[in-house]
Amino acid sequence: MNENIERVRDIPLKVTAILGKTQMSIKEIFDLTKGSLIELDTFENQEVEIYVNGQKIAYGQVVIVEQNFGVRITSILGEEELVKTLV
């Protein structure tokens, strides 16, 4: 089985953490400049969704480590939940 894992270890995956959502008009987007803030609908300490290749697989919490943002995985979807995200 270890050989099978080695075959796929270098396959790139797109990992996305959804920190929040907002709606903006095209004018508002064009008015953005370096340093602009975009208000999101997620609250502090609220779980964020984690996606791999566009499929939700887990939830996590935003963490700050030495002035860098990261996401700590807090729960992984169970088999039934994973199947629902594939449909």
N, C-alpha and C. Protein backbone atom coordinates (compact mmCIF):
# COMPACT_ATOMS: atom_id res chain seq x y z
N MET A 1 0.83 -1.20 0.00
CA MET A 1 0.00 0.00 0.00
C MET A 1 0.86 1.25 0.00
N ASN A 2 1.99 1.22 0.64
CA ASN A 2 2.89 2.36 0.69
C ASN A 2 3.31 2.80 -0.71
N GLU A 3 3.54 1.83 -1.63
CA GLU A 3 3.90 2.14 -3.01
C GLU A 3 2.77 2.90 -3.70
N ASN A 4 1.52 2.53 -3.41
CA ASN A 4 0.38 3.22 -4.01
C ASN A 4 0.32 4.67 -3.58
N ILE A 5 0.60 4.94 -2.31
CA ILE A 5 0.59 6.32 -1.81
C ILE A 5 1.68 7.12 -2.49
N GLU A 6 2.85 6.54 -2.67
CA GLU A 6 3.96 7.24 -3.31
C GLU A 6 3.60 7.67 -4.73
N ARG A 7 2.77 6.91 -5.42
CA ARG A 7 2.38 7.24 -6.79
C ARG A 7 1.57 8.53 -6.88
N VAL A 8 0.84 8.86 -5.83
CA VAL A 8 -0.05 10.03 -5.89
C VAL A 8 0.42 11.21 -5.05
N ARG A 9 1.52 11.06 -4.34
CA ARG A 9 1.98 12.12 -3.43
C ARG A 9 2.29 13.43 -4.13
N ASP A 10 2.73 13.40 -5.38
CA ASP A 10 3.12 14.62 -6.09
C ASP A 10 2.01 15.19 -6.97
N ILE A 11 0.82 14.64 -6.89
CA ILE A 11 -0.29 15.18 -7.68
C ILE A 11 -0.76 16.48 -7.03
N PRO A 12 -0.75 17.58 -7.77
CA PRO A 12 -1.18 18.85 -7.17
C PRO A 12 -2.69 18.88 -6.93
N LEU A 13 -3.08 19.45 -5.79
CA LEU A 13 -4.48 19.61 -5.42
C LEU A 13 -4.72 21.08 -5.11
N LYS A 14 -5.86 21.59 -5.49
CA LYS A 14 -6.23 22.97 -5.19
C LYS A 14 -7.01 22.97 -3.87
N VAL A 15 -6.44 23.58 -2.83
CA VAL A 15 -7.07 23.65 -1.52
C VAL A 15 -7.56 25.08 -1.31
N THR A 16 -8.83 25.22 -0.95
CA THR A 16 -9.45 26.52 -0.76
C THR A 16 -10.14 26.56 0.60
N ALA A 17 -9.95 27.65 1.32
CA ALA A 17 -10.67 27.88 2.58
C ALA A 17 -11.57 29.09 2.36
N ILE A 18 -12.87 28.90 2.54
CA ILE A 18 -13.84 29.97 2.34
C ILE A 18 -13.94 30.76 3.65
N LEU A 19 -13.32 31.94 3.65
CA LEU A 19 -13.28 32.76 4.86
C LEU A 19 -14.52 33.61 5.03
N GLY A 20 -15.26 33.81 3.97
CA GLY A 20 -16.47 34.61 4.04
C GLY A 20 -16.92 34.97 2.64
N LYS A 21 -18.06 35.62 2.57
CA LYS A 21 -18.62 36.01 1.27
C LYS A 21 -19.17 37.42 1.38
N THR A 22 -19.23 38.10 0.25
CA THR A 22 -19.84 39.42 0.19
C THR A 22 -20.32 39.66 -1.23
N GLN A 23 -21.20 40.62 -1.40
CA GLN A 23 -21.66 41.01 -2.73
C GLN A 23 -21.20 42.43 -3.00
N MET A 24 -20.63 42.63 -4.18
CA MET A 24 -20.15 43.95 -4.56
C MET A 24 -20.56 44.23 -6.00
N SER A 25 -20.79 45.50 -6.28
CA SER A 25 -21.07 45.88 -7.66
C SER A 25 -19.76 45.98 -8.43
N ILE A 26 -19.84 45.98 -9.74
CA ILE A 26 -18.64 46.11 -10.56
C ILE A 26 -17.94 47.43 -10.24
N LYS A 27 -18.71 48.50 -10.03
CA LYS A 27 -18.12 49.80 -9.68
C LYS A 27 -17.31 49.69 -8.39
N GLU A 28 -17.86 49.01 -7.37
CA GLU A 28 -17.14 48.86 -6.11
C GLU A 28 -15.84 48.07 -6.30
N ILE A 29 -15.87 47.06 -7.16
CA ILE A 29 -14.66 46.28 -7.42
C ILE A 29 -13.62 47.14 -8.13
N PHE A 30 -14.05 47.94 -9.12
CA PHE A 30 -13.11 48.80 -9.82
C PHE A 30 -12.53 49.89 -8.91
N ASP A 31 -13.26 50.25 -7.86
CA ASP A 31 -12.78 51.27 -6.93
C ASP A 31 -11.78 50.73 -5.90
N LEU A 32 -11.59 49.41 -5.85
CA LEU A 32 -10.64 48.84 -4.90
C LEU A 32 -9.22 49.24 -5.26
N THR A 33 -8.43 49.50 -4.23
CA THR A 33 -7.02 49.81 -4.42
C THR A 33 -6.22 48.98 -3.42
N LYS A 34 -4.90 49.04 -3.55
CA LYS A 34 -4.05 48.33 -2.60
C LYS A 34 -4.36 48.83 -1.20
N GLY A 35 -4.62 47.89 -0.28
CA GLY A 35 -4.95 48.25 1.09
C GLY A 35 -6.44 48.38 1.36
N SER A 36 -7.28 48.26 0.32
CA SER A 36 -8.73 48.32 0.51
C SER A 36 -9.18 47.14 1.36
N LEU A 37 -10.20 47.36 2.17
CA LEU A 37 -10.78 46.29 2.99
C LEU A 37 -12.09 45.84 2.37
N ILE A 38 -12.33 44.55 2.39
CA ILE A 38 -13.59 43.99 1.93
C ILE A 38 -14.23 43.32 3.14
N GLU A 39 -15.41 43.78 3.52
CA GLU A 39 -16.11 43.21 4.67
C GLU A 39 -16.76 41.90 4.28
N LEU A 40 -16.49 40.85 5.06
CA LEU A 40 -17.03 39.52 4.81
C LEU A 40 -18.11 39.19 5.83
N ASP A 41 -18.94 38.21 5.53
CA ASP A 41 -20.05 37.86 6.42
C ASP A 41 -19.69 36.79 7.45
N THR A 42 -18.41 36.50 7.63
CA THR A 42 -17.96 35.52 8.60
C THR A 42 -17.51 36.23 9.87
N PHE A 43 -17.85 35.68 11.01
CA PHE A 43 -17.50 36.28 12.28
C PHE A 43 -16.24 35.63 12.85
N GLU A 44 -15.58 36.34 13.74
CA GLU A 44 -14.39 35.81 14.39
C GLU A 44 -14.72 34.49 15.09
N ASN A 45 -13.84 33.54 15.01
CA ASN A 45 -13.96 32.21 15.60
C ASN A 45 -15.05 31.34 14.96
N GLN A 46 -15.65 31.80 13.88
CA GLN A 46 -16.64 30.99 13.17
C GLN A 46 -15.90 29.98 12.29
N GLU A 47 -16.45 28.79 12.17
CA GLU A 47 -15.82 27.78 11.33
C GLU A 47 -15.82 28.23 9.87
N VAL A 48 -14.76 27.87 9.17
CA VAL A 48 -14.67 28.14 7.74
C VAL A 48 -14.71 26.81 7.00
N GLU A 49 -15.18 26.85 5.77
CA GLU A 49 -15.27 25.64 4.95
C GLU A 49 -13.96 25.44 4.21
N ILE A 50 -13.53 24.18 4.11
CA ILE A 50 -12.30 23.83 3.40
C ILE A 50 -12.67 22.92 2.23
N TYR A 51 -12.20 23.30 1.05
CA TYR A 51 -12.49 22.56 -0.18
C TYR A 51 -11.19 22.03 -0.78
N VAL A 52 -11.26 20.86 -1.39
CA VAL A 52 -10.16 20.32 -2.18
C VAL A 52 -10.71 20.04 -3.56
N ASN A 53 -10.09 20.67 -4.55
CA ASN A 53 -10.55 20.57 -5.95
C ASN A 53 -12.04 20.87 -6.09
N GLY A 54 -12.51 21.87 -5.35
CA GLY A 54 -13.89 22.31 -5.46
C GLY A 54 -14.91 21.53 -4.65
N GLN A 55 -14.48 20.52 -3.93
CA GLN A 55 -15.39 19.70 -3.13
C GLN A 55 -15.14 19.96 -1.64
N LYS A 56 -16.22 20.29 -0.91
CA LYS A 56 -16.06 20.52 0.52
C LYS A 56 -15.66 19.23 1.21
N ILE A 57 -14.58 19.30 2.01
CA ILE A 57 -14.11 18.10 2.70
C ILE A 57 -14.00 18.28 4.20
N ALA A 58 -13.98 19.55 4.68
CA ALA A 58 -13.72 19.75 6.10
C ALA A 58 -14.13 21.15 6.53
N TYR A 59 -14.02 21.37 7.84
CA TYR A 59 -14.21 22.68 8.44
C TYR A 59 -12.95 23.00 9.23
N GLY A 60 -12.70 24.29 9.42
CA GLY A 60 -11.52 24.68 10.17
C GLY A 60 -11.70 26.04 10.82
N GLN A 61 -10.66 26.49 11.50
CA GLN A 61 -10.64 27.80 12.15
C GLN A 61 -9.41 28.55 11.67
N VAL A 62 -9.57 29.85 11.45
CA VAL A 62 -8.46 30.69 11.03
C VAL A 62 -7.52 30.88 12.22
N VAL A 63 -6.23 30.74 11.96
CA VAL A 63 -5.22 30.97 13.00
C VAL A 63 -4.17 31.92 12.44
N ILE A 64 -3.50 32.63 13.33
CA ILE A 64 -2.42 33.53 12.93
C ILE A 64 -1.15 33.03 13.61
N VAL A 65 -0.12 32.75 12.80
CA VAL A 65 1.16 32.28 13.31
C VAL A 65 2.24 33.20 12.76
N GLU A 66 2.90 33.94 13.65
CA GLU A 66 3.96 34.85 13.25
C GLU A 66 3.53 35.75 12.09
N GLN A 67 2.42 36.40 12.20
CA GLN A 67 1.87 37.34 11.23
C GLN A 67 1.45 36.69 9.91
N ASN A 68 1.32 35.38 9.89
CA ASN A 68 0.81 34.66 8.72
C ASN A 68 -0.52 34.02 9.07
N PHE A 69 -1.44 34.04 8.11
CA PHE A 69 -2.74 33.41 8.31
C PHE A 69 -2.66 31.95 7.89
N GLY A 70 -3.39 31.12 8.58
CA GLY A 70 -3.51 29.72 8.24
C GLY A 70 -4.88 29.22 8.67
N VAL A 71 -5.17 27.97 8.35
CA VAL A 71 -6.44 27.36 8.76
C VAL A 71 -6.14 26.04 9.43
N ARG A 72 -6.64 25.89 10.65
CA ARG A 72 -6.49 24.63 11.39
C ARG A 72 -7.74 23.80 11.12
N ILE A 73 -7.56 22.58 10.65
CA ILE A 73 -8.69 21.69 10.40
C ILE A 73 -9.26 21.25 11.73
N THR A 74 -10.57 21.48 11.91
CA THR A 74 -11.23 21.10 13.16
C THR A 74 -12.11 19.87 13.00
N SER A 75 -12.62 19.65 11.79
CA SER A 75 -13.42 18.44 11.55
C SER A 75 -13.43 18.11 10.07
N ILE A 76 -13.43 16.82 9.78
CA ILE A 76 -13.47 16.33 8.41
C ILE A 76 -14.85 15.71 8.20
N LEU A 77 -15.43 15.99 7.04
CA LEU A 77 -16.77 15.46 6.77
C LEU A 77 -16.77 13.94 6.80
N GLY A 78 -17.84 13.36 7.30
CA GLY A 78 -18.02 11.91 7.30
C GLY A 78 -18.35 11.42 5.91
N GLU A 79 -18.37 10.12 5.73
CA GLU A 79 -18.61 9.53 4.41
C GLU A 79 -19.92 10.01 3.79
N GLU A 80 -21.00 10.02 4.58
CA GLU A 80 -22.31 10.43 4.05
C GLU A 80 -22.28 11.88 3.59
N GLU A 81 -21.67 12.75 4.40
CA GLU A 81 -21.58 14.17 4.03
C GLU A 81 -20.73 14.36 2.79
N LEU A 82 -19.63 13.61 2.68
CA LEU A 82 -18.78 13.71 1.51
C LEU A 82 -19.52 13.31 0.24
N VAL A 83 -20.30 12.25 0.33
CA VAL A 83 -21.08 11.79 -0.83
C VAL A 83 -22.06 12.88 -1.26
N LYS A 84 -22.70 13.56 -0.31
CA LYS A 84 -23.66 14.63 -0.64
C LYS A 84 -22.98 15.77 -1.37
N THR A 85 -21.72 16.09 -1.04
CA THR A 85 -21.04 17.18 -1.72
C THR A 85 -20.65 16.83 -3.14
N LEU A 86 -20.58 15.54 -3.45
CA LEU A 86 -20.21 15.10 -4.81
C LEU A 86 -21.38 15.15 -5.76
N VAL A 87 -22.60 15.19 -5.25
CA VAL A 87 -23.79 15.14 -6.10
C VAL A 87 -24.10 16.51 -6.65
